[in-house]
Every structure is written in C-alpha cells, then in structure tokens.
Amino acid sequence: MQLQQTLLNLLVNAMDATENVPPARRAISISTATTNDGGVEVKIYDRGTGLPPSREHEVFQPFFTTKKRSLGLGLSICTSIVKLHGGTLSLQNNVREGENAVFRLPPPLD
C-alpha cells in the first residue's frame, strides 16, 4: 500500500508539472525494469516545468513546495517510504525539459 501511494504521488507531481505545458507537448511515461541484483527500478518521466535549478537540493525537505496548493510533504513522505523498503528515490531535470523521478528497491527477501 505504501509503495502504491509513492507511485501515485510521483504521478500526481508529474501531472502537476505538465499543467502549464501546451496540451500537444504534455507527456508522462512510466517504465519498470529489473536491476542487475534482482531488484526493481521504476522511472516516471514528464515533459513539464522541471525542478527549480537553484533549489534542487531542497525538494525532499518537509514543507518545501513549488505548488500553489500543497503542504510540501509528498516527496518527503515518499522518500521515507522508499527508504523503509530499503530503496532510494531520486529526481533530476532532463536535458531538454521536464524531469525524471526514479525509485529503486532491492530484491525481495527469501
């Protein structure tokens, strides 16, 4: 349930990021892959506004937000959930536009 919430929050963030992009250019894609060690990697790519360049380091801090109507807790909570499951969460701006959100989880325990 927690990982579903993480994925949902990252998708909502991607949709919010593309809100002011012309409809013909809006795009969000999701991919999954198995990592070399048997874990899983989930990528959410959007063609939105991207992260504010001078504030990229703050996005995982509680109460940091770039949205008009947000508490700024989503990414902080997502990070805690992914870490609780032994994984990592990262965000980075794409070269041209938008950003990638990537979370990786280790292989399941036997």
PDB file of N, CA and C in Angstrom:
ATOM      1  N   MET A   1       0.817  -1.182   0.000  1.00  0.00           N
ATOM      2  CA  MET A   1       0.000   0.000   0.000  1.00  0.00           C
ATOM      3  C   MET A   1       0.877   1.268   0.000  1.00  0.00           C
ATOM      4  N   GLN A   2       1.949   1.247   0.771  1.00  0.00           N
ATOM      5  CA  GLN A   2       2.829   2.411   0.842  1.00  0.00           C
ATOM      6  C   GLN A   2       3.499   2.689  -0.500  1.00  0.00           C
ATOM      7  N   LEU A   3       3.916   1.639  -1.177  1.00  0.00           N
ATOM      8  CA  LEU A   3       4.573   1.831  -2.471  1.00  0.00           C
ATOM      9  C   LEU A   3       3.578   2.307  -3.519  1.00  0.00           C
ATOM     10  N   GLN A   4       2.326   1.880  -3.414  1.00  0.00           N
ATOM     11  CA  GLN A   4       1.282   2.403  -4.297  1.00  0.00           C
ATOM     12  C   GLN A   4       1.121   3.902  -4.082  1.00  0.00           C
ATOM     13  N   GLN A   5       1.121   4.322  -2.827  1.00  0.00           N
ATOM     14  CA  GLN A   5       0.998   5.748  -2.501  1.00  0.00           C
ATOM     15  C   GLN A   5       2.177   6.528  -3.057  1.00  0.00           C
ATOM     16  N   THR A   6       3.359   5.957  -2.982  1.00  0.00           N
ATOM     17  CA  THR A   6       4.550   6.607  -3.533  1.00  0.00           C
ATOM     18  C   THR A   6       4.408   6.803  -5.033  1.00  0.00           C
ATOM     19  N   LEU A   7       4.036   5.744  -5.741  1.00  0.00           N
ATOM     20  CA  LEU A   7       3.858   5.831  -7.187  1.00  0.00           C
ATOM     21  C   LEU A   7       2.772   6.848  -7.541  1.00  0.00           C
ATOM     22  N   LEU A   8       1.669   6.822  -6.825  1.00  0.00           N
ATOM     23  CA  LEU A   8       0.580   7.769  -7.075  1.00  0.00           C
ATOM     24  C   LEU A   8       1.039   9.211  -6.861  1.00  0.00           C
ATOM     25  N   ASN A   9       1.773   9.469  -5.787  1.00  0.00           N
ATOM     26  CA  ASN A   9       2.254  10.825  -5.519  1.00  0.00           C
ATOM     27  C   ASN A   9       3.198  11.307  -6.617  1.00  0.00           C
ATOM     28  N   LEU A  10       4.091  10.441  -7.071  1.00  0.00           N
ATOM     29  CA  LEU A  10       5.019  10.829  -8.134  1.00  0.00           C
ATOM     30  C   LEU A  10       4.282  11.096  -9.442  1.00  0.00           C
ATOM     31  N   LEU A  11       3.223  10.342  -9.717  1.00  0.00           N
ATOM     32  CA  LEU A  11       2.406  10.586 -10.911  1.00  0.00           C
ATOM     33  C   LEU A  11       1.652  11.908 -10.814  1.00  0.00           C
ATOM     34  N   VAL A  12       1.086  12.184  -9.653  1.00  0.00           N
ATOM     35  CA  VAL A  12       0.386  13.460  -9.456  1.00  0.00           C
ATOM     36  C   VAL A  12       1.357  14.622  -9.621  1.00  0.00           C
ATOM     37  N   ASN A  13       2.564  14.476  -9.086  1.00  0.00           N
ATOM     38  CA  ASN A  13       3.573  15.523  -9.266  1.00  0.00           C
ATOM     39  C   ASN A  13       3.886  15.734 -10.747  1.00  0.00           C
ATOM     40  N   ALA A  14       4.003  14.642 -11.501  1.00  0.00           N
ATOM     41  CA  ALA A  14       4.277  14.749 -12.935  1.00  0.00           C
ATOM     42  C   ALA A  14       3.121  15.440 -13.656  1.00  0.00           C
ATOM     43  N   MET A  15       1.892  15.092 -13.293  1.00  0.00           N
ATOM     44  CA  MET A  15       0.726  15.742 -13.917  1.00  0.00           C
ATOM     45  C   MET A  15       0.696  17.226 -13.579  1.00  0.00           C
ATOM     46  N   ASP A  16       0.981  17.555 -12.338  1.00  0.00           N
ATOM     47  CA  ASP A  16       1.014  18.973 -11.937  1.00  0.00           C
ATOM     48  C   ASP A  16       2.095  19.730 -12.698  1.00  0.00           C
ATOM     49  N   ALA A  17       3.232  19.081 -12.934  1.00  0.00           N
ATOM     50  CA  ALA A  17       4.345  19.730 -13.626  1.00  0.00           C
ATOM     51  C   ALA A  17       4.025  20.026 -15.088  1.00  0.00           C
ATOM     52  N   THR A  18       3.119  19.253 -15.670  1.00  0.00           N
ATOM     53  CA  THR A  18       2.776  19.462 -17.082  1.00  0.00           C
ATOM     54  C   THR A  18       1.538  20.337 -17.265  1.00  0.00           C
ATOM     55  N   GLU A  19       0.982  20.809 -16.183  1.00  0.00           N
ATOM     56  CA  GLU A  19      -0.257  21.592 -16.217  1.00  0.00           C
ATOM     57  C   GLU A  19      -0.175  22.823 -17.123  1.00  0.00           C
ATOM     58  N   ASN A  20       0.945  23.510 -17.113  1.00  0.00           N
ATOM     59  CA  ASN A  20       1.089  24.737 -17.902  1.00  0.00           C
ATOM     60  C   ASN A  20       1.803  24.532 -19.233  1.00  0.00           C
ATOM     61  N   VAL A  21       1.984  23.291 -19.619  1.00  0.00           N
ATOM     62  CA  VAL A  21       2.602  22.957 -20.896  1.00  0.00           C
ATOM     63  C   VAL A  21       1.479  22.823 -21.927  1.00  0.00           C
ATOM     64  N   PRO A  22       1.673  23.294 -23.151  1.00  0.00           N
ATOM     65  CA  PRO A  22       0.623  23.131 -24.164  1.00  0.00           C
ATOM     66  C   PRO A  22       0.210  21.660 -24.285  1.00  0.00           C
ATOM     67  N   PRO A  23      -1.084  21.397 -24.396  1.00  0.00           N
ATOM     68  CA  PRO A  23      -1.572  20.007 -24.416  1.00  0.00           C
ATOM     69  C   PRO A  23      -0.857  19.101 -25.408  1.00  0.00           C
ATOM     70  N   ALA A  24      -0.507  19.588 -26.568  1.00  0.00           N
ATOM     71  CA  ALA A  24       0.154  18.749 -27.573  1.00  0.00           C
ATOM     72  C   ALA A  24       1.545  18.293 -27.127  1.00  0.00           C
ATOM     73  N   ARG A  25       2.150  18.999 -26.178  1.00  0.00           N
ATOM     74  CA  ARG A  25       3.507  18.651 -25.715  1.00  0.00           C
ATOM     75  C   ARG A  25       3.507  17.911 -24.382  1.00  0.00           C
ATOM     76  N   ARG A  26       2.342  17.789 -23.748  1.00  0.00           N
ATOM     77  CA  ARG A  26       2.276  17.096 -22.461  1.00  0.00           C
ATOM     78  C   ARG A  26       2.552  15.617 -22.654  1.00  0.00           C
ATOM     79  N   ALA A  27       3.424  15.096 -21.827  1.00  0.00           N
ATOM     80  CA  ALA A  27       3.716  13.665 -21.881  1.00  0.00           C
ATOM     81  C   ALA A  27       4.254  13.203 -20.537  1.00  0.00           C
ATOM     82  N   ILE A  28       3.793  12.050 -20.127  1.00  0.00           N
ATOM     83  CA  ILE A  28       4.300  11.382 -18.930  1.00  0.00           C
ATOM     84  C   ILE A  28       4.480   9.921 -19.316  1.00  0.00           C
ATOM     85  N   SER A  29       5.612   9.365 -18.982  1.00  0.00           N
ATOM     86  CA  SER A  29       5.800   7.937 -19.244  1.00  0.00           C
ATOM     87  C   SER A  29       6.334   7.261 -17.986  1.00  0.00           C
ATOM     88  N   ILE A  30       5.987   6.004 -17.862  1.00  0.00           N
ATOM     89  CA  ILE A  30       6.413   5.197 -16.723  1.00  0.00           C
ATOM     90  C   ILE A  30       7.084   3.953 -17.280  1.00  0.00           C
ATOM     91  N   SER A  31       8.217   3.615 -16.714  1.00  0.00           N
ATOM     92  CA  SER A  31       8.867   2.372 -17.102  1.00  0.00           C
ATOM     93  C   SER A  31       9.319   1.636 -15.854  1.00  0.00           C
ATOM     94  N   THR A  32       9.359   0.336 -15.976  1.00  0.00           N
ATOM     95  CA  THR A  32       9.861  -0.504 -14.893  1.00  0.00           C
ATOM     96  C   THR A  32      10.918  -1.437 -15.469  1.00  0.00           C
ATOM     97  N   ALA A  33      11.841  -1.806 -14.621  1.00  0.00           N
ATOM     98  CA  ALA A  33      12.895  -2.719 -15.048  1.00  0.00           C
ATOM     99  C   ALA A  33      13.405  -3.489 -13.839  1.00  0.00           C
ATOM    100  N   THR A  34      13.934  -4.641 -14.107  1.00  0.00           N
ATOM    101  CA  THR A  34      14.607  -5.419 -13.079  1.00  0.00           C
ATOM    102  C   THR A  34      16.070  -4.982 -13.068  1.00  0.00           C
ATOM    103  N   THR A  35      16.601  -4.732 -11.885  1.00  0.00           N
ATOM    104  CA  THR A  35      18.001  -4.336 -11.775  1.00  0.00           C
ATOM    105  C   THR A  35      18.892  -5.581 -11.825  1.00  0.00           C
ATOM    106  N   ASN A  36      20.180  -5.371 -11.993  1.00  0.00           N
ATOM    107  CA  ASN A  36      21.137  -6.485 -12.087  1.00  0.00           C
ATOM    108  C   ASN A  36      21.108  -7.401 -10.871  1.00  0.00           C
ATOM    109  N   ASP A  37      20.793  -6.839  -9.713  1.00  0.00           N
ATOM    110  CA  ASP A  37      20.779  -7.655  -8.493  1.00  0.00           C
ATOM    111  C   ASP A  37      19.407  -8.263  -8.203  1.00  0.00           C
ATOM    112  N   GLY A  38      18.452  -8.098  -9.119  1.00  0.00           N
ATOM    113  CA  GLY A  38      17.126  -8.690  -8.935  1.00  0.00           C
ATOM    114  C   GLY A  38      16.122  -7.763  -8.287  1.00  0.00           C
ATOM    115  N   GLY A  39      16.517  -6.514  -8.057  1.00  0.00           N
ATOM    116  CA  GLY A  39      15.598  -5.518  -7.522  1.00  0.00           C
ATOM    117  C   GLY A  39      14.733  -4.945  -8.637  1.00  0.00           C
ATOM    118  N   VAL A  40      14.071  -3.864  -8.336  1.00  0.00           N
ATOM    119  CA  VAL A  40      13.203  -3.235  -9.322  1.00  0.00           C
ATOM    120  C   VAL A  40      13.493  -1.735  -9.378  1.00  0.00           C
ATOM    121  N   GLU A  41      13.339  -1.180 -10.573  1.00  0.00           N
ATOM    122  CA  GLU A  41      13.531   0.255 -10.786  1.00  0.00           C
ATOM    123  C   GLU A  41      12.281   0.785 -11.494  1.00  0.00           C
ATOM    124  N   VAL A  42      11.732   1.860 -10.965  1.00  0.00           N
ATOM    125  CA  VAL A  42      10.557   2.499 -11.555  1.00  0.00           C
ATOM    126  C   VAL A  42      10.945   3.925 -11.917  1.00  0.00           C
ATOM    127  N   LYS A  43      10.696   4.312 -13.189  1.00  0.00           N
ATOM    128  CA  LYS A  43      11.001   5.671 -13.654  1.00  0.00           C
ATOM    129  C   LYS A  43       9.721   6.347 -14.114  1.00  0.00           C
ATOM    130  N   ILE A  44       9.550   7.588 -13.669  1.00  0.00           N
ATOM    131  CA  ILE A  44       8.446   8.418 -14.134  1.00  0.00           C
ATOM    132  C   ILE A  44       9.072   9.629 -14.804  1.00  0.00           C
ATOM    133  N   TYR A  45       8.810   9.772 -16.088  1.00  0.00           N
ATOM    134  CA  TYR A  45       9.386  10.858 -16.891  1.00  0.00           C
ATOM    135  C   TYR A  45       8.263  11.801 -17.283  1.00  0.00           C
ATOM    136  N   ASP A  46       8.489  13.099 -17.122  1.00  0.00           N
ATOM    137  CA  ASP A  46       7.488  14.054 -17.600  1.00  0.00           C
ATOM    138  C   ASP A  46       8.154  15.137 -18.432  1.00  0.00           C
ATOM    139  N   ARG A  47       7.347  15.801 -19.240  1.00  0.00           N
ATOM    140  CA  ARG A  47       7.823  16.911 -20.067  1.00  0.00           C
ATOM    141  C   ARG A  47       7.296  18.229 -19.512  1.00  0.00           C
ATOM    142  N   GLY A  48       7.310  18.351 -18.210  1.00  0.00           N
ATOM    143  CA  GLY A  48       6.791  19.531 -17.539  1.00  0.00           C
ATOM    144  C   GLY A  48       7.845  20.598 -17.320  1.00  0.00           C
ATOM    145  N   THR A  49       7.637  21.352 -16.259  1.00  0.00           N
ATOM    146  CA  THR A  49       8.484  22.512 -15.970  1.00  0.00           C
ATOM    147  C   THR A  49       9.828  22.152 -15.344  1.00  0.00           C
ATOM    148  N   GLY A  50       9.966  20.954 -14.826  1.00  0.00           N
ATOM    149  CA  GLY A  50      11.225  20.555 -14.205  1.00  0.00           C
ATOM    150  C   GLY A  50      11.393  21.134 -12.815  1.00  0.00           C
ATOM    151  N   LEU A  51      12.503  20.801 -12.204  1.00  0.00           N
ATOM    152  CA  LEU A  51      12.816  21.288 -10.858  1.00  0.00           C
ATOM    153  C   LEU A  51      13.430  22.679 -10.939  1.00  0.00           C
ATOM    154  N   PRO A  52      13.173  23.528  -9.944  1.00  0.00           N
ATOM    155  CA  PRO A  52      13.835  24.827  -9.938  1.00  0.00           C
ATOM    156  C   PRO A  52      15.345  24.629  -9.779  1.00  0.00           C
ATOM    157  N   PRO A  53      16.154  25.056 -10.750  1.00  0.00           N
ATOM    158  CA  PRO A  53      17.589  24.756 -10.741  1.00  0.00           C
ATOM    159  C   PRO A  53      18.322  25.156  -9.470  1.00  0.00           C
ATOM    160  N   SER A  54      17.977  26.268  -8.903  1.00  0.00           N
ATOM    161  CA  SER A  54      18.711  26.728  -7.725  1.00  0.00           C
ATOM    162  C   SER A  54      18.211  26.070  -6.439  1.00  0.00           C
ATOM    163  N   ARG A  55      17.151  25.256  -6.522  1.00  0.00           N
ATOM    164  CA  ARG A  55      16.558  24.691  -5.307  1.00  0.00           C
ATOM    165  C   ARG A  55      16.420  23.170  -5.368  1.00  0.00           C
ATOM    166  N   GLU A  56      17.123  22.543  -6.302  1.00  0.00           N
ATOM    167  CA  GLU A  56      17.011  21.097  -6.466  1.00  0.00           C
ATOM    168  C   GLU A  56      17.307  20.328  -5.186  1.00  0.00           C
ATOM    169  N   HIS A  57      18.234  20.819  -4.392  1.00  0.00           N
ATOM    170  CA  HIS A  57      18.629  20.127  -3.172  1.00  0.00           C
ATOM    171  C   HIS A  57      17.551  20.168  -2.082  1.00  0.00           C
ATOM    172  N   GLU A  58      16.547  21.034  -2.242  1.00  0.00           N
ATOM    173  CA  GLU A  58      15.518  21.200  -1.207  1.00  0.00           C
ATOM    174  C   GLU A  58      14.271  20.349  -1.417  1.00  0.00           C
ATOM    175  N   VAL A  59      14.107  19.731  -2.579  1.00  0.00           N
ATOM    176  CA  VAL A  59      12.827  19.117  -2.925  1.00  0.00           C
ATOM    177  C   VAL A  59      12.393  17.993  -1.982  1.00  0.00           C
ATOM    178  N   PHE A  60      13.314  17.356  -1.292  1.00  0.00           N
ATOM    179  CA  PHE A  60      12.944  16.278  -0.380  1.00  0.00           C
ATOM    180  C   PHE A  60      12.745  16.755   1.053  1.00  0.00           C
ATOM    181  N   GLN A  61      12.952  18.044   1.300  1.00  0.00           N
ATOM    182  CA  GLN A  61      12.783  18.598   2.641  1.00  0.00           C
ATOM    183  C   GLN A  61      11.298  18.770   2.961  1.00  0.00           C
ATOM    184  N   PRO A  62      10.881  18.425   4.185  1.00  0.00           N
ATOM    185  CA  PRO A  62       9.485  18.629   4.561  1.00  0.00           C
ATOM    186  C   PRO A  62       9.085  20.104   4.410  1.00  0.00           C
ATOM    187  N   PHE A  63       7.906  20.331   3.905  1.00  0.00           N
ATOM    188  CA  PHE A  63       7.277  21.648   3.722  1.00  0.00           C
ATOM    189  C   PHE A  63       7.853  22.469   2.576  1.00  0.00           C
ATOM    190  N   PHE A  64       8.765  21.903   1.780  1.00  0.00           N
ATOM    191  CA  PHE A  64       9.221  22.603   0.582  1.00  0.00           C
ATOM    192  C   PHE A  64       8.244  22.282  -0.537  1.00  0.00           C
ATOM    193  N   THR A  65       7.779  23.301  -1.238  1.00  0.00           N
ATOM    194  CA  THR A  65       6.881  23.086  -2.363  1.00  0.00           C
ATOM    195  C   THR A  65       7.067  24.175  -3.412  1.00  0.00           C
ATOM    196  N   THR A  66       6.779  23.823  -4.638  1.00  0.00           N
ATOM    197  CA  THR A  66       6.761  24.795  -5.728  1.00  0.00           C
ATOM    198  C   THR A  66       5.327  24.996  -6.218  1.00  0.00           C
ATOM    199  N   LYS A  67       4.375  24.336  -5.559  1.00  0.00           N
ATOM    200  CA  LYS A  67       2.968  24.401  -5.955  1.00  0.00           C
ATOM    201  C   LYS A  67       2.225  25.452  -5.143  1.00  0.00           C
ATOM    202  N   LYS A  68       1.157  25.978  -5.733  1.00  0.00           N
ATOM    203  CA  LYS A  68       0.347  26.971  -5.025  1.00  0.00           C
ATOM    204  C   LYS A  68      -0.460  26.345  -3.893  1.00  0.00           C
ATOM    205  N   ARG A  69      -0.957  25.125  -4.117  1.00  0.00           N
ATOM    206  CA  ARG A  69      -1.781  24.452  -3.114  1.00  0.00           C
ATOM    207  C   ARG A  69      -1.143  23.124  -2.725  1.00  0.00           C
ATOM    208  N   SER A  70      -0.190  23.186  -1.833  1.00  0.00           N
ATOM    209  CA  SER A  70       0.491  21.971  -1.396  1.00  0.00           C
ATOM    210  C   SER A  70       1.126  22.205  -0.035  1.00  0.00           C
ATOM    211  N   LEU A  71       1.139  21.161   0.766  1.00  0.00           N
ATOM    212  CA  LEU A  71       1.812  21.250   2.064  1.00  0.00           C
ATOM    213  C   LEU A  71       3.310  21.030   1.940  1.00  0.00           C
ATOM    214  N   GLY A  72       3.751  20.434   0.836  1.00  0.00           N
ATOM    215  CA  GLY A  72       5.171  20.170   0.666  1.00  0.00           C
ATOM    216  C   GLY A  72       5.648  18.955   1.428  1.00  0.00           C
ATOM    217  N   LEU A  73       4.761  17.995   1.622  1.00  0.00           N
ATOM    218  CA  LEU A  73       5.143  16.788   2.362  1.00  0.00           C
ATOM    219  C   LEU A  73       5.260  15.549   1.484  1.00  0.00           C
ATOM    220  N   GLY A  74       4.744  15.589   0.276  1.00  0.00           N
ATOM    221  CA  GLY A  74       4.682  14.410  -0.583  1.00  0.00           C
ATOM    222  C   GLY A  74       6.017  13.744  -0.829  1.00  0.00           C
ATOM    223  N   LEU A  75       7.004  14.494  -1.313  1.00  0.00           N
ATOM    224  CA  LEU A  75       8.302  13.891  -1.627  1.00  0.00           C
ATOM    225  C   LEU A  75       9.046  13.448  -0.376  1.00  0.00           C
ATOM    226  N   SER A  76       8.860  14.170   0.702  1.00  0.00           N
ATOM    227  CA  SER A  76       9.486  13.779   1.968  1.00  0.00           C
ATOM    228  C   SER A  76       8.917  12.441   2.439  1.00  0.00           C
ATOM    229  N   ILE A  77       7.608  12.287   2.347  1.00  0.00           N
ATOM    230  CA  ILE A  77       6.966  11.035   2.739  1.00  0.00           C
ATOM    231  C   ILE A  77       7.369   9.904   1.791  1.00  0.00           C
ATOM    232  N   CYS A  78       7.384  10.192   0.493  1.00  0.00           N
ATOM    233  CA  CYS A  78       7.803   9.174  -0.493  1.00  0.00           C
ATOM    234  C   CYS A  78       9.211   8.682  -0.197  1.00  0.00           C
ATOM    235  N   THR A  79      10.108   9.589   0.108  1.00  0.00           N
ATOM    236  CA  THR A  79      11.486   9.215   0.423  1.00  0.00           C
ATOM    237  C   THR A  79      11.524   8.299   1.644  1.00  0.00           C
ATOM    238  N   SER A  80      10.761   8.644   2.666  1.00  0.00           N
ATOM    239  CA  SER A  80      10.720   7.818   3.883  1.00  0.00           C
ATOM    240  C   SER A  80      10.192   6.417   3.581  1.00  0.00           C
ATOM    241  N   ILE A  81       9.152   6.328   2.759  1.00  0.00           N
ATOM    242  CA  ILE A  81       8.573   5.028   2.411  1.00  0.00           C
ATOM    243  C   ILE A  81       9.578   4.183   1.643  1.00  0.00           C
ATOM    244  N   VAL A  82      10.200   4.772   0.639  1.00  0.00           N
ATOM    245  CA  VAL A  82      11.153   4.018  -0.179  1.00  0.00           C
ATOM    246  C   VAL A  82      12.336   3.563   0.676  1.00  0.00           C
ATOM    247  N   LYS A  83      12.835   4.429   1.542  1.00  0.00           N
ATOM    248  CA  LYS A  83      13.939   4.047   2.436  1.00  0.00           C
ATOM    249  C   LYS A  83      13.525   2.929   3.381  1.00  0.00           C
ATOM    250  N   LEU A  84      12.287   2.982   3.871  1.00  0.00           N
ATOM    251  CA  LEU A  84      11.767   1.947   4.756  1.00  0.00           C
ATOM    252  C   LEU A  84      11.816   0.577   4.081  1.00  0.00           C
ATOM    253  N   HIS A  85      11.658   0.560   2.767  1.00  0.00           N
ATOM    254  CA  HIS A  85      11.710  -0.674   1.995  1.00  0.00           C
ATOM    255  C   HIS A  85      13.114  -0.962   1.452  1.00  0.00           C
ATOM    256  N   GLY A  86      14.113  -0.219   1.940  1.00  0.00           N
ATOM    257  CA  GLY A  86      15.497  -0.467   1.564  1.00  0.00           C
ATOM    258  C   GLY A  86      15.917   0.132   0.236  1.00  0.00           C
ATOM    259  N   GLY A  87      15.129   1.061  -0.300  1.00  0.00           N
ATOM    260  CA  GLY A  87      15.413   1.620  -1.614  1.00  0.00           C
ATOM    261  C   GLY A  87      15.860   3.065  -1.597  1.00  0.00           C
ATOM    262  N   THR A  88      15.909   3.630  -2.791  1.00  0.00           N
ATOM    263  CA  THR A  88      16.305   5.026  -2.971  1.00  0.00           C
ATOM    264  C   THR A  88      15.324   5.717  -3.909  1.00  0.00           C
ATOM    265  N   LEU A  89      15.199   7.019  -3.745  1.00  0.00           N
ATOM    266  CA  LEU A  89      14.367   7.850  -4.611  1.00  0.00           C
ATOM    267  C   LEU A  89      15.203   9.038  -5.045  1.00  0.00           C
ATOM    268  N   SER A  90      15.191   9.331  -6.338  1.00  0.00           N
ATOM    269  CA  SER A  90      15.932  10.488  -6.839  1.00  0.00           C
ATOM    270  C   SER A  90      15.106  11.220  -7.882  1.00  0.00           C
ATOM    271  N   LEU A  91      15.373  12.505  -8.019  1.00  0.00           N
ATOM    272  CA  LEU A  91      14.762  13.351  -9.044  1.00  0.00           C
ATOM    273  C   LEU A  91      15.871  14.073  -9.765  1.00  0.00           C
ATOM    274  N   GLN A  92      15.703  14.252 -11.059  1.00  0.00           N
ATOM    275  CA  GLN A  92      16.676  15.058 -11.799  1.00  0.00           C
ATOM    276  C   GLN A  92      16.001  15.672 -13.006  1.00  0.00           C
ATOM    277  N   ASN A  93      16.442  16.872 -13.338  1.00  0.00           N
ATOM    278  CA  ASN A  93      15.935  17.528 -14.537  1.00  0.00           C
ATOM    279  C   ASN A  93      16.442  16.808 -15.768  1.00  0.00           C
ATOM    280  N   ASN A  94      15.607  16.750 -16.791  1.00  0.00           N
ATOM    281  CA  ASN A  94      16.024  16.218 -18.081  1.00  0.00           C
ATOM    282  C   ASN A  94      16.814  17.293 -18.821  1.00  0.00           C
ATOM    283  N   VAL A  95      17.566  16.887 -19.797  1.00  0.00           N
ATOM    284  CA  VAL A  95      18.406  17.830 -20.532  1.00  0.00           C
ATOM    285  C   VAL A  95      17.553  18.894 -21.217  1.00  0.00           C
ATOM    286  N   ARG A  96      16.478  18.502 -21.881  1.00  0.00           N
ATOM    287  CA  ARG A  96      15.671  19.466 -22.635  1.00  0.00           C
ATOM    288  C   ARG A  96      14.532  20.062 -21.825  1.00  0.00           C
ATOM    289  N   GLU A  97      13.742  19.200 -21.197  1.00  0.00           N
ATOM    290  CA  GLU A  97      12.579  19.678 -20.454  1.00  0.00           C
ATOM    291  C   GLU A  97      12.110  18.589 -19.511  1.00  0.00           C
ATOM    292  N   GLY A  98      11.411  18.999 -18.487  1.00  0.00           N
ATOM    293  CA  GLY A  98      10.832  18.037 -17.567  1.00  0.00           C
ATOM    294  C   GLY A  98      11.834  17.421 -16.614  1.00  0.00           C
ATOM    295  N   GLU A  99      11.392  16.345 -15.979  1.00  0.00           N
ATOM    296  CA  GLU A  99      12.248  15.682 -15.008  1.00  0.00           C
ATOM    297  C   GLU A  99      11.979  14.188 -14.981  1.00  0.00           C
ATOM    298  N   ASN A 100      12.895  13.478 -14.348  1.00  0.00           N
ATOM    299  CA  ASN A 100      12.762  12.047 -14.092  1.00  0.00           C
ATOM    300  C   ASN A 100      12.686  11.837 -12.591  1.00  0.00           C
ATOM    301  N   ALA A 101      11.740  11.040 -12.171  1.00  0.00           N
ATOM    302  CA  ALA A 101      11.701  10.550 -10.801  1.00  0.00           C
ATOM    303  C   ALA A 101      12.008   9.065 -10.899  1.00  0.00           C
ATOM    304  N   VAL A 102      12.950   8.598 -10.100  1.00  0.00           N
ATOM    305  CA  VAL A 102      13.363   7.198 -10.156  1.00  0.00           C
ATOM    306  C   VAL A 102      13.407   6.658  -8.742  1.00  0.00           C
ATOM    307  N   PHE A 103      12.694   5.533  -8.542  1.00  0.00           N
ATOM    308  CA  PHE A 103      12.927   4.850  -7.283  1.00  0.00           C
ATOM    309  C   PHE A 103      13.322   3.413  -7.547  1.00  0.00           C
ATOM    310  N   ARG A 104      14.264   2.983  -6.727  1.00  0.00           N
ATOM    311  CA  ARG A 104      14.826   1.635  -6.840  1.00  0.00           C
ATOM    312  C   ARG A 104      14.598   0.893  -5.527  1.00  0.00           C
ATOM    313  N   LEU A 105      14.221  -0.360  -5.665  1.00  0.00           N
ATOM    314  CA  LEU A 105      14.003  -1.205  -4.497  1.00  0.00           C
ATOM    315  C   LEU A 105      14.871  -2.453  -4.612  1.00  0.00           C
ATOM    316  N   PRO A 106      15.405  -2.938  -3.500  1.00  0.00           N
ATOM    317  CA  PRO A 106      16.241  -4.130  -3.549  1.00  0.00           C
ATOM    318  C   PRO A 106      15.402  -5.371  -3.844  1.00  0.00           C
ATOM    319  N   PRO A 107      16.056  -6.477  -4.151  1.00  0.00           N
ATOM    320  CA  PRO A 107      15.303  -7.715  -4.384  1.00  0.00           C
ATOM    321  C   PRO A 107      14.576  -8.135  -3.117  1.00  0.00           C
ATOM    322  N   PRO A 108      13.474  -8.851  -3.288  1.00  0.00           N
ATOM    323  CA  PRO A 108      12.741  -9.311  -2.096  1.00  0.00           C
ATOM    324  C   PRO A 108      13.574 -10.308  -1.301  1.00  0.00           C
ATOM    325  N   LEU A 109      13.322 -10.334  -0.017  1.00  0.00           N
ATOM    326  CA  LEU A 109      13.999 -11.304   0.852  1.00  0.00           C
ATOM    327  C   LEU A 109      13.377 -12.672   0.639  1.00  0.00           C
ATOM    328  N   ASP A 110      14.171 -13.703   0.768  1.00  0.00           N
ATOM    329  CA  ASP A 110      13.661 -15.076   0.603  1.00  0.00           C
ATOM    330  C   ASP A 110      12.839 -15.494   1.783  1.00  0.00           C
TER     331      ASP A 110
END
